[in-house]
Amino acid sequence: GWWMPPATDARPHLHVPAHAQRPRTGQGNADAPDSIVTHWDTPLVPIGPHALVESVPDTLAHLAACLPHEESLVVWESAVRLERLDPAVLRRYRWRAPDARRLAADVTGLSDSGLETPFVSRIRAMGLAVRQQVLLLGHRVDGLIGERHVTQLDGFAFHSSATDRCCALAHAREPIARGDTVFLF
C-alpha cells in the first residue's frame, strides 16, 4: 500500500545474506541475473531464516539504494504514514549507506500524498521555509510557505469531480479573503 513512483523498476528484489552463495545462471534458469535485483547484506532487523517478507527498515534501506533520493523520500514518507512509524526512531537506526542516513534525516511523516513530498523537498532546497499540515482558519492545508502562501496538493484523484473542485475552492476562499495566496494543485 505504499505509494510508489510510476516509473519504478518492476523487477523483483531479493534480499539474501551477505555470505550466501551466488545463484547459478544458465542451464535453463529462468531467473537470469538481470531479471531480479539482489541485495547482498546483513539485515538491519533480524528475521527468521524462512521469512518471506522483509522488515520495514530493511525494505526502506533497499529502496534508498535503488531509487533516486526524491523518489525514495516519497516512498519513505508513505511508509512512515501507513506503518505509523516515528521518524525519530528511524533516525536512530544504524543505516549503513549514506543515502539511507540522508533519507532518515529528511523524512517527516507529514506528507499526505506522493505529490506533497517532491513539492516540499524542492521548496526547501530553494531555501524557503515550508510547514506541512498547518491548521489555518479551521482547515488543514498541505503547506504554508512563509506566512501567506498556502498550498493544497491533492492532484486529479481528489479534484476530478465538480463537487471536489467546488469544495477545494470553498476552502480556498477564506485564506484568499484574508490576503493569502492560494495554490491548488
N, C-alpha and C. Protein backbone atom coordinates (compact mmCIF):
# COMPACT_ATOMS: atom_id res chain seq x y z
N GLY A 1 0.78 -1.20 0.00
CA GLY A 1 0.00 0.00 0.00
C GLY A 1 0.82 1.27 0.00
N TRP A 2 2.16 1.17 0.00
CA TRP A 2 2.99 2.37 -0.05
C TRP A 2 2.89 2.99 -1.42
N TRP A 3 2.96 4.31 -1.47
CA TRP A 3 2.93 4.98 -2.75
C TRP A 3 4.28 4.76 -3.43
N MET A 4 4.22 4.29 -4.67
CA MET A 4 5.45 4.05 -5.44
C MET A 4 5.45 4.97 -6.66
N PRO A 5 6.59 5.56 -6.97
CA PRO A 5 6.67 6.38 -8.17
C PRO A 5 6.30 5.55 -9.40
N PRO A 6 5.65 6.16 -10.38
CA PRO A 6 5.16 5.40 -11.53
C PRO A 6 6.25 4.70 -12.34
N ALA A 7 7.44 5.24 -12.40
CA ALA A 7 8.48 4.64 -13.25
C ALA A 7 9.38 3.68 -12.48
N THR A 8 8.91 3.18 -11.34
CA THR A 8 9.72 2.30 -10.52
C THR A 8 10.02 0.99 -11.24
N ASP A 9 11.24 0.53 -11.12
CA ASP A 9 11.67 -0.74 -11.69
C ASP A 9 10.79 -1.86 -11.13
N ALA A 10 10.13 -2.61 -11.99
CA ALA A 10 9.18 -3.63 -11.56
C ALA A 10 9.82 -4.99 -11.30
N ARG A 11 11.13 -5.10 -11.50
CA ARG A 11 11.78 -6.39 -11.25
C ARG A 11 11.69 -6.75 -9.76
N PRO A 12 11.58 -8.04 -9.46
CA PRO A 12 11.58 -8.43 -8.04
C PRO A 12 12.93 -8.13 -7.40
N HIS A 13 12.87 -7.76 -6.13
CA HIS A 13 14.08 -7.52 -5.34
C HIS A 13 14.20 -8.63 -4.33
N LEU A 14 15.37 -9.20 -4.23
CA LEU A 14 15.62 -10.35 -3.36
C LEU A 14 16.73 -10.00 -2.39
N HIS A 15 16.45 -10.15 -1.10
CA HIS A 15 17.45 -9.90 -0.07
C HIS A 15 18.01 -11.25 0.36
N VAL A 16 19.32 -11.37 0.26
CA VAL A 16 19.98 -12.61 0.68
C VAL A 16 21.11 -12.24 1.64
N PRO A 17 21.46 -13.16 2.54
CA PRO A 17 22.55 -12.86 3.47
C PRO A 17 23.85 -12.55 2.73
N ALA A 18 24.66 -11.71 3.34
CA ALA A 18 25.91 -11.28 2.71
C ALA A 18 26.82 -12.47 2.38
N HIS A 19 26.73 -13.53 3.15
CA HIS A 19 27.60 -14.69 2.96
C HIS A 19 26.98 -15.78 2.08
N ALA A 20 25.79 -15.55 1.57
CA ALA A 20 25.09 -16.58 0.78
C ALA A 20 25.81 -16.86 -0.54
N GLN A 21 25.60 -18.07 -1.02
CA GLN A 21 26.20 -18.47 -2.29
C GLN A 21 25.48 -17.76 -3.43
N ARG A 22 26.22 -17.36 -4.43
CA ARG A 22 25.64 -16.71 -5.61
C ARG A 22 24.78 -17.71 -6.37
N PRO A 23 23.62 -17.25 -6.91
CA PRO A 23 22.79 -18.17 -7.69
C PRO A 23 23.48 -18.57 -8.99
N ARG A 24 23.21 -19.79 -9.42
CA ARG A 24 23.78 -20.25 -10.69
C ARG A 24 22.95 -19.69 -11.83
N THR A 25 23.60 -19.38 -12.91
CA THR A 25 22.89 -18.90 -14.09
C THR A 25 23.07 -19.91 -15.21
N GLY A 26 22.26 -19.75 -16.24
CA GLY A 26 22.33 -20.68 -17.36
C GLY A 26 21.62 -21.98 -17.03
N GLN A 27 21.86 -23.02 -17.78
CA GLN A 27 21.29 -24.35 -17.56
C GLN A 27 19.78 -24.28 -17.35
N GLY A 28 19.11 -23.46 -18.14
CA GLY A 28 17.64 -23.40 -18.08
C GLY A 28 17.10 -22.56 -16.95
N ASN A 29 17.94 -21.80 -16.28
CA ASN A 29 17.48 -20.96 -15.17
C ASN A 29 16.72 -19.76 -15.74
N ALA A 30 15.42 -19.67 -15.42
CA ALA A 30 14.60 -18.57 -15.94
C ALA A 30 14.93 -17.25 -15.26
N ASP A 31 15.49 -17.31 -14.06
CA ASP A 31 15.81 -16.09 -13.33
C ASP A 31 17.25 -15.66 -13.64
N ALA A 32 17.46 -15.18 -14.83
CA ALA A 32 18.78 -14.69 -15.23
C ALA A 32 19.16 -13.52 -14.33
N PRO A 33 20.45 -13.24 -14.17
CA PRO A 33 20.88 -12.19 -13.23
C PRO A 33 20.22 -10.84 -13.43
N ASP A 34 19.88 -10.48 -14.66
CA ASP A 34 19.29 -9.16 -14.87
C ASP A 34 17.77 -9.14 -14.71
N SER A 35 17.16 -10.29 -14.39
CA SER A 35 15.70 -10.31 -14.21
C SER A 35 15.28 -10.07 -12.76
N ILE A 36 16.25 -10.07 -11.84
CA ILE A 36 15.98 -9.75 -10.43
C ILE A 36 17.06 -8.80 -9.92
N VAL A 37 16.74 -8.10 -8.85
CA VAL A 37 17.72 -7.25 -8.19
C VAL A 37 18.03 -7.92 -6.86
N THR A 38 19.29 -8.24 -6.66
CA THR A 38 19.70 -8.95 -5.45
C THR A 38 20.41 -7.99 -4.52
N HIS A 39 20.00 -8.00 -3.26
CA HIS A 39 20.63 -7.19 -2.21
C HIS A 39 21.39 -8.15 -1.30
N TRP A 40 22.71 -8.09 -1.35
CA TRP A 40 23.59 -8.95 -0.55
C TRP A 40 24.04 -8.17 0.67
N ASP A 41 23.39 -8.37 1.80
CA ASP A 41 23.84 -7.68 3.00
C ASP A 41 23.24 -8.32 4.25
N THR A 42 23.71 -7.86 5.39
CA THR A 42 23.20 -8.30 6.68
C THR A 42 21.99 -7.44 7.01
N PRO A 43 20.87 -8.07 7.40
CA PRO A 43 19.68 -7.26 7.68
C PRO A 43 19.86 -6.33 8.88
N LEU A 44 19.20 -5.20 8.83
CA LEU A 44 19.16 -4.29 9.97
C LEU A 44 18.33 -4.89 11.09
N VAL A 45 17.24 -5.55 10.70
CA VAL A 45 16.34 -6.19 11.65
C VAL A 45 16.35 -7.69 11.37
N PRO A 46 16.89 -8.48 12.28
CA PRO A 46 16.95 -9.91 12.02
C PRO A 46 15.55 -10.52 11.87
N ILE A 47 15.43 -11.39 10.89
CA ILE A 47 14.18 -12.13 10.68
C ILE A 47 14.51 -13.61 10.60
N GLY A 48 13.51 -14.44 10.71
CA GLY A 48 13.72 -15.88 10.67
C GLY A 48 14.31 -16.32 9.34
N PRO A 49 14.97 -17.48 9.34
CA PRO A 49 15.62 -17.96 8.11
C PRO A 49 14.65 -18.29 6.99
N HIS A 50 13.40 -18.51 7.32
CA HIS A 50 12.41 -18.88 6.30
C HIS A 50 11.38 -17.77 6.05
N ALA A 51 11.64 -16.59 6.58
CA ALA A 51 10.71 -15.47 6.40
C ALA A 51 10.71 -15.06 4.93
N LEU A 52 9.53 -14.76 4.43
CA LEU A 52 9.39 -14.37 3.03
C LEU A 52 9.19 -12.87 2.85
N VAL A 53 9.01 -12.16 3.95
CA VAL A 53 8.76 -10.72 3.88
C VAL A 53 9.87 -9.99 4.62
N GLU A 54 10.40 -8.98 3.99
CA GLU A 54 11.47 -8.16 4.54
C GLU A 54 10.93 -7.26 5.64
N SER A 55 11.77 -6.89 6.60
CA SER A 55 11.35 -5.92 7.61
C SER A 55 11.19 -4.55 6.94
N VAL A 56 10.41 -3.69 7.56
CA VAL A 56 10.20 -2.35 7.00
C VAL A 56 11.52 -1.58 6.91
N PRO A 57 12.36 -1.53 7.97
CA PRO A 57 13.63 -0.78 7.83
C PRO A 57 14.52 -1.34 6.72
N ASP A 58 14.60 -2.66 6.58
CA ASP A 58 15.43 -3.23 5.52
C ASP A 58 14.86 -2.90 4.14
N THR A 59 13.55 -2.90 4.02
CA THR A 59 12.92 -2.52 2.75
C THR A 59 13.25 -1.07 2.43
N LEU A 60 13.17 -0.20 3.43
CA LEU A 60 13.50 1.21 3.21
C LEU A 60 14.97 1.38 2.81
N ALA A 61 15.85 0.61 3.44
CA ALA A 61 17.27 0.68 3.08
C ALA A 61 17.49 0.26 1.63
N HIS A 62 16.80 -0.78 1.20
CA HIS A 62 16.94 -1.24 -0.18
C HIS A 62 16.37 -0.22 -1.17
N LEU A 63 15.26 0.40 -0.80
CA LEU A 63 14.70 1.46 -1.65
C LEU A 63 15.69 2.62 -1.79
N ALA A 64 16.36 2.96 -0.70
CA ALA A 64 17.34 4.04 -0.73
C ALA A 64 18.47 3.72 -1.70
N ALA A 65 18.81 2.44 -1.81
CA ALA A 65 19.89 2.02 -2.70
C ALA A 65 19.44 1.97 -4.16
N CYS A 66 18.15 1.77 -4.40
CA CYS A 66 17.67 1.51 -5.76
C CYS A 66 17.00 2.70 -6.44
N LEU A 67 16.54 3.68 -5.67
CA LEU A 67 15.81 4.80 -6.25
C LEU A 67 16.57 6.11 -6.03
N PRO A 68 16.35 7.09 -6.89
CA PRO A 68 16.91 8.42 -6.63
C PRO A 68 16.34 8.98 -5.31
N HIS A 69 17.06 9.93 -4.73
CA HIS A 69 16.68 10.45 -3.41
C HIS A 69 15.22 10.90 -3.33
N GLU A 70 14.79 11.73 -4.25
CA GLU A 70 13.43 12.27 -4.17
C GLU A 70 12.38 11.17 -4.25
N GLU A 71 12.57 10.22 -5.14
CA GLU A 71 11.62 9.11 -5.25
C GLU A 71 11.64 8.25 -4.00
N SER A 72 12.83 8.01 -3.45
CA SER A 72 12.93 7.26 -2.20
C SER A 72 12.21 7.99 -1.07
N LEU A 73 12.38 9.30 -1.02
CA LEU A 73 11.75 10.09 0.04
C LEU A 73 10.22 9.98 -0.04
N VAL A 74 9.69 9.96 -1.25
CA VAL A 74 8.24 9.79 -1.42
C VAL A 74 7.79 8.47 -0.80
N VAL A 75 8.53 7.40 -1.08
CA VAL A 75 8.17 6.09 -0.55
C VAL A 75 8.36 6.04 0.96
N TRP A 76 9.45 6.61 1.45
CA TRP A 76 9.70 6.64 2.89
C TRP A 76 8.57 7.40 3.60
N GLU A 77 8.17 8.54 3.06
CA GLU A 77 7.07 9.31 3.68
C GLU A 77 5.79 8.47 3.72
N SER A 78 5.50 7.79 2.63
CA SER A 78 4.32 6.94 2.57
C SER A 78 4.40 5.82 3.60
N ALA A 79 5.56 5.19 3.70
CA ALA A 79 5.74 4.10 4.67
C ALA A 79 5.57 4.60 6.11
N VAL A 80 6.13 5.77 6.39
CA VAL A 80 6.01 6.33 7.74
C VAL A 80 4.55 6.56 8.08
N ARG A 81 3.78 7.11 7.14
CA ARG A 81 2.36 7.37 7.38
C ARG A 81 1.57 6.07 7.53
N LEU A 82 1.74 5.17 6.57
CA LEU A 82 0.91 3.95 6.57
C LEU A 82 1.29 2.96 7.66
N GLU A 83 2.56 2.88 7.98
CA GLU A 83 3.03 1.93 9.00
C GLU A 83 3.05 2.56 10.40
N ARG A 84 2.69 3.85 10.47
CA ARG A 84 2.70 4.60 11.73
C ARG A 84 4.07 4.54 12.42
N LEU A 85 5.09 4.84 11.62
CA LEU A 85 6.46 4.84 12.14
C LEU A 85 6.80 6.22 12.67
N ASP A 86 7.61 6.26 13.67
CA ASP A 86 8.09 7.52 14.22
C ASP A 86 9.39 7.89 13.50
N PRO A 87 9.43 9.02 12.80
CA PRO A 87 10.67 9.40 12.11
C PRO A 87 11.87 9.47 13.05
N ALA A 88 11.66 9.85 14.31
CA ALA A 88 12.77 9.92 15.26
C ALA A 88 13.36 8.53 15.49
N VAL A 89 12.53 7.50 15.48
CA VAL A 89 13.01 6.13 15.65
C VAL A 89 13.82 5.72 14.42
N LEU A 90 13.36 6.08 13.23
CA LEU A 90 14.11 5.76 12.01
C LEU A 90 15.50 6.41 12.04
N ARG A 91 15.61 7.58 12.61
CA ARG A 91 16.90 8.26 12.67
C ARG A 91 17.89 7.54 13.60
N ARG A 92 17.39 6.73 14.51
CA ARG A 92 18.27 6.02 15.45
C ARG A 92 18.84 4.72 14.88
N TYR A 93 18.31 4.23 13.76
CA TYR A 93 18.87 3.02 13.16
C TYR A 93 20.30 3.29 12.71
N ARG A 94 21.09 2.25 12.66
CA ARG A 94 22.47 2.34 12.15
C ARG A 94 22.46 2.04 10.66
N TRP A 95 21.99 3.01 9.89
CA TRP A 95 21.92 2.86 8.44
C TRP A 95 23.34 2.74 7.91
N ARG A 96 23.57 1.76 7.06
CA ARG A 96 24.92 1.53 6.52
C ARG A 96 25.25 2.46 5.37
N ALA A 97 24.26 2.81 4.60
CA ALA A 97 24.50 3.61 3.39
C ALA A 97 24.20 5.09 3.65
N PRO A 98 25.00 5.97 3.09
CA PRO A 98 24.74 7.41 3.25
C PRO A 98 23.37 7.82 2.73
N ASP A 99 22.91 7.19 1.64
CA ASP A 99 21.59 7.54 1.10
C ASP A 99 20.49 7.28 2.12
N ALA A 100 20.56 6.15 2.80
CA ALA A 100 19.54 5.82 3.81
C ALA A 100 19.64 6.76 5.01
N ARG A 101 20.85 7.12 5.42
CA ARG A 101 21.02 8.08 6.53
C ARG A 101 20.42 9.44 6.17
N ARG A 102 20.64 9.87 4.93
CA ARG A 102 20.08 11.16 4.49
C ARG A 102 18.56 11.10 4.48
N LEU A 103 18.00 10.00 3.98
CA LEU A 103 16.53 9.86 3.95
C LEU A 103 15.96 9.85 5.36
N ALA A 104 16.63 9.14 6.26
CA ALA A 104 16.16 9.10 7.65
C ALA A 104 16.16 10.51 8.26
N ALA A 105 17.14 11.32 7.87
CA ALA A 105 17.20 12.70 8.38
C ALA A 105 16.12 13.57 7.75
N ASP A 106 15.75 13.28 6.51
CA ASP A 106 14.80 14.12 5.77
C ASP A 106 13.33 13.77 6.00
N VAL A 107 13.02 12.52 6.33
CA VAL A 107 11.63 12.08 6.42
C VAL A 107 10.92 12.74 7.60
N THR A 108 9.67 13.17 7.37
CA THR A 108 8.91 13.85 8.43
C THR A 108 7.62 13.10 8.79
N GLY A 109 7.07 12.38 7.83
CA GLY A 109 5.78 11.72 8.05
C GLY A 109 4.60 12.66 7.89
N LEU A 110 4.82 13.83 7.34
CA LEU A 110 3.75 14.82 7.22
C LEU A 110 3.08 14.85 5.86
N SER A 111 3.65 14.23 4.86
CA SER A 111 3.06 14.27 3.52
C SER A 111 1.89 13.31 3.43
N ASP A 112 0.76 13.86 3.00
CA ASP A 112 -0.45 13.04 2.84
C ASP A 112 -0.51 12.33 1.50
N SER A 113 0.31 12.76 0.54
CA SER A 113 0.25 12.15 -0.78
C SER A 113 1.64 12.18 -1.41
N GLY A 114 1.77 11.41 -2.48
CA GLY A 114 3.03 11.37 -3.21
C GLY A 114 3.35 12.68 -3.91
N LEU A 115 2.38 13.57 -4.04
CA LEU A 115 2.62 14.88 -4.65
C LEU A 115 3.29 15.85 -3.68
N GLU A 116 2.96 15.73 -2.41
CA GLU A 116 3.45 16.69 -1.43
C GLU A 116 4.95 16.59 -1.20
N THR A 117 5.47 15.39 -1.15
CA THR A 117 6.88 15.19 -0.80
C THR A 117 7.83 15.89 -1.77
N PRO A 118 7.72 15.67 -3.10
CA PRO A 118 8.64 16.37 -4.00
C PRO A 118 8.47 17.89 -3.95
N PHE A 119 7.23 18.33 -3.81
CA PHE A 119 6.98 19.78 -3.74
C PHE A 119 7.71 20.38 -2.54
N VAL A 120 7.51 19.80 -1.37
CA VAL A 120 8.12 20.32 -0.15
C VAL A 120 9.65 20.22 -0.23
N SER A 121 10.13 19.11 -0.73
CA SER A 121 11.57 18.91 -0.86
C SER A 121 12.20 19.97 -1.76
N ARG A 122 11.55 20.26 -2.87
CA ARG A 122 12.08 21.25 -3.81
C ARG A 122 11.99 22.67 -3.26
N ILE A 123 10.90 22.98 -2.57
CA ILE A 123 10.76 24.31 -1.96
C ILE A 123 11.86 24.52 -0.91
N ARG A 124 12.08 23.49 -0.08
CA ARG A 124 13.12 23.61 0.95
C ARG A 124 14.51 23.71 0.32
N ALA A 125 14.73 23.01 -0.80
CA ALA A 125 16.03 23.08 -1.49
C ALA A 125 16.31 24.48 -2.01
N MET A 126 15.25 25.27 -2.25
CA MET A 126 15.42 26.65 -2.69
C MET A 126 15.68 27.59 -1.51
N GLY A 127 15.69 27.04 -0.30
CA GLY A 127 15.97 27.85 0.87
C GLY A 127 14.74 28.48 1.49
N LEU A 128 13.55 28.06 1.04
CA LEU A 128 12.31 28.61 1.59
C LEU A 128 11.78 27.70 2.69
N ALA A 129 11.22 28.31 3.72
CA ALA A 129 10.62 27.54 4.80
C ALA A 129 9.20 27.15 4.40
N VAL A 130 8.88 25.90 4.57
CA VAL A 130 7.52 25.43 4.32
C VAL A 130 7.11 24.54 5.49
N ARG A 131 5.93 24.82 6.01
CA ARG A 131 5.37 23.99 7.08
C ARG A 131 4.25 23.15 6.48
N GLN A 132 4.16 21.90 6.89
CA GLN A 132 3.16 20.99 6.35
C GLN A 132 2.04 20.75 7.35
N GLN A 133 0.85 20.48 6.80
CA GLN A 133 -0.33 20.13 7.57
C GLN A 133 -0.61 21.16 8.67
N VAL A 134 -0.67 22.41 8.24
CA VAL A 134 -0.92 23.53 9.15
C VAL A 134 -2.42 23.76 9.27
N LEU A 135 -2.88 23.96 10.49
CA LEU A 135 -4.29 24.30 10.72
C LEU A 135 -4.43 25.80 10.48
N LEU A 136 -5.21 26.16 9.45
CA LEU A 136 -5.37 27.54 9.06
C LEU A 136 -6.85 27.82 8.88
N LEU A 137 -7.39 28.72 9.67
CA LEU A 137 -8.80 29.11 9.60
C LEU A 137 -9.73 27.90 9.70
N GLY A 138 -9.37 26.97 10.56
CA GLY A 138 -10.22 25.81 10.81
C GLY A 138 -10.05 24.65 9.84
N HIS A 139 -9.15 24.77 8.87
CA HIS A 139 -8.91 23.70 7.90
C HIS A 139 -7.42 23.40 7.82
N ARG A 140 -7.09 22.15 7.60
CA ARG A 140 -5.69 21.77 7.38
C ARG A 140 -5.30 22.11 5.95
N VAL A 141 -4.13 22.71 5.80
CA VAL A 141 -3.59 22.96 4.47
C VAL A 141 -2.33 22.13 4.33
N ASP A 142 -2.06 21.69 3.10
CA ASP A 142 -0.91 20.82 2.87
C ASP A 142 0.41 21.52 3.13
N GLY A 143 0.48 22.80 2.79
CA GLY A 143 1.72 23.53 3.01
C GLY A 143 1.48 25.01 3.21
N LEU A 144 2.34 25.61 3.99
CA LEU A 144 2.31 27.05 4.19
C LEU A 144 3.74 27.54 4.04
N ILE A 145 3.95 28.31 2.96
CA ILE A 145 5.28 28.87 2.68
C ILE A 145 5.28 30.27 3.25
N GLY A 146 6.19 30.50 4.16
CA GLY A 146 6.18 31.78 4.87
C GLY A 146 4.91 31.86 5.70
N GLU A 147 4.26 33.01 5.67
CA GLU A 147 3.02 33.18 6.43
C GLU A 147 1.79 33.32 5.57
N ARG A 148 1.98 33.50 4.25
CA ARG A 148 0.83 33.87 3.42
C ARG A 148 0.66 33.06 2.13
N HIS A 149 1.50 32.07 1.87
CA HIS A 149 1.38 31.30 0.63
C HIS A 149 0.92 29.88 0.98
N VAL A 150 -0.35 29.62 0.71
CA VAL A 150 -1.00 28.36 1.06
C VAL A 150 -0.94 27.42 -0.14
N THR A 151 -0.59 26.17 0.10
CA THR A 151 -0.59 25.17 -0.98
C THR A 151 -1.50 24.01 -0.61
N GLN A 152 -2.27 23.58 -1.58
CA GLN A 152 -3.08 22.36 -1.48
C GLN A 152 -2.66 21.49 -2.65
N LEU A 153 -2.11 20.32 -2.35
CA LEU A 153 -1.52 19.45 -3.37
C LEU A 153 -2.27 18.13 -3.41
N ASP A 154 -3.50 18.18 -3.88
CA ASP A 154 -4.32 16.97 -3.86
C ASP A 154 -4.35 16.23 -5.18
N GLY A 155 -4.00 16.87 -6.27
CA GLY A 155 -3.95 16.20 -7.56
C GLY A 155 -5.31 15.87 -8.14
N PHE A 156 -5.29 15.28 -9.30
CA PHE A 156 -6.50 14.97 -10.05
C PHE A 156 -7.40 13.97 -9.32
N ALA A 157 -6.80 13.03 -8.63
CA ALA A 157 -7.61 11.99 -7.95
C ALA A 157 -8.58 12.60 -6.95
N PHE A 158 -8.21 13.73 -6.34
CA PHE A 158 -9.07 14.35 -5.34
C PHE A 158 -9.80 15.58 -5.85
N HIS A 159 -9.53 15.99 -7.09
CA HIS A 159 -10.20 17.16 -7.67
C HIS A 159 -10.82 16.83 -9.03
N SER A 160 -11.14 15.57 -9.27
CA SER A 160 -11.61 15.19 -10.60
C SER A 160 -13.10 15.47 -10.81
N SER A 161 -13.88 15.55 -9.75
CA SER A 161 -15.31 15.81 -9.92
C SER A 161 -15.60 17.29 -9.64
N ALA A 162 -16.73 17.73 -10.16
CA ALA A 162 -17.14 19.13 -9.94
C ALA A 162 -17.33 19.40 -8.46
N THR A 163 -17.88 18.44 -7.73
CA THR A 163 -18.10 18.60 -6.29
C THR A 163 -16.78 18.79 -5.56
N ASP A 164 -15.78 17.96 -5.91
CA ASP A 164 -14.47 18.06 -5.27
C ASP A 164 -13.83 19.41 -5.55
N ARG A 165 -13.93 19.87 -6.79
CA ARG A 165 -13.34 21.16 -7.14
C ARG A 165 -14.04 22.29 -6.39
N CYS A 166 -15.36 22.24 -6.30
CA CYS A 166 -16.11 23.26 -5.57
C CYS A 166 -15.71 23.30 -4.10
N CYS A 167 -15.55 22.12 -3.52
CA CYS A 167 -15.15 22.01 -2.11
C CYS A 167 -13.76 22.62 -1.90
N ALA A 168 -12.83 22.30 -2.79
CA ALA A 168 -11.47 22.84 -2.69
C ALA A 168 -11.49 24.36 -2.84
N LEU A 169 -12.27 24.86 -3.77
CA LEU A 169 -12.36 26.31 -3.96
C LEU A 169 -13.01 27.00 -2.77
N ALA A 170 -14.01 26.34 -2.16
CA ALA A 170 -14.66 26.91 -0.98
C ALA A 170 -13.66 27.04 0.17
N HIS A 171 -12.81 26.02 0.34
CA HIS A 171 -11.79 26.09 1.40
C HIS A 171 -10.75 27.16 1.10
N ALA A 172 -10.55 27.46 -0.18
CA ALA A 172 -9.55 28.46 -0.57
C ALA A 172 -10.05 29.89 -0.38
N ARG A 173 -11.35 30.09 -0.35
CA ARG A 173 -11.91 31.45 -0.28
C ARG A 173 -11.50 32.20 0.99
N GLU A 174 -11.54 31.53 2.13
CA GLU A 174 -11.22 32.20 3.39
C GLU A 174 -9.77 32.71 3.42
N PRO A 175 -8.77 31.87 3.10
CA PRO A 175 -7.41 32.40 3.09
C PRO A 175 -7.22 33.51 2.07
N ILE A 176 -7.87 33.41 0.91
CA ILE A 176 -7.77 34.47 -0.10
C ILE A 176 -8.36 35.76 0.45
N ALA A 177 -9.49 35.65 1.15
CA ALA A 177 -10.15 36.83 1.72
C ALA A 177 -9.28 37.53 2.76
N ARG A 178 -8.43 36.79 3.45
CA ARG A 178 -7.56 37.43 4.46
C ARG A 178 -6.24 37.89 3.85
N GLY A 179 -6.07 37.72 2.52
CA GLY A 179 -4.89 38.23 1.83
C GLY A 179 -3.83 37.20 1.50
N ASP A 180 -4.11 35.91 1.74
CA ASP A 180 -3.16 34.86 1.41
C ASP A 180 -3.19 34.56 -0.08
N THR A 181 -2.11 34.03 -0.60
CA THR A 181 -2.07 33.50 -1.95
C THR A 181 -2.28 32.00 -1.83
N VAL A 182 -3.20 31.45 -2.59
CA VAL A 182 -3.51 30.03 -2.50
C VAL A 182 -3.18 29.35 -3.82
N PHE A 183 -2.41 28.27 -3.74
CA PHE A 183 -2.05 27.46 -4.90
C PHE A 183 -2.74 26.12 -4.78
N LEU A 184 -3.59 25.77 -5.74
CA LEU A 184 -4.26 24.48 -5.76
C LEU A 184 -3.64 23.63 -6.86
N PHE A 185 -3.14 22.48 -6.50
CA PHE A 185 -2.56 21.55 -7.48
C PHE A 185 -3.31 20.26 -7.44
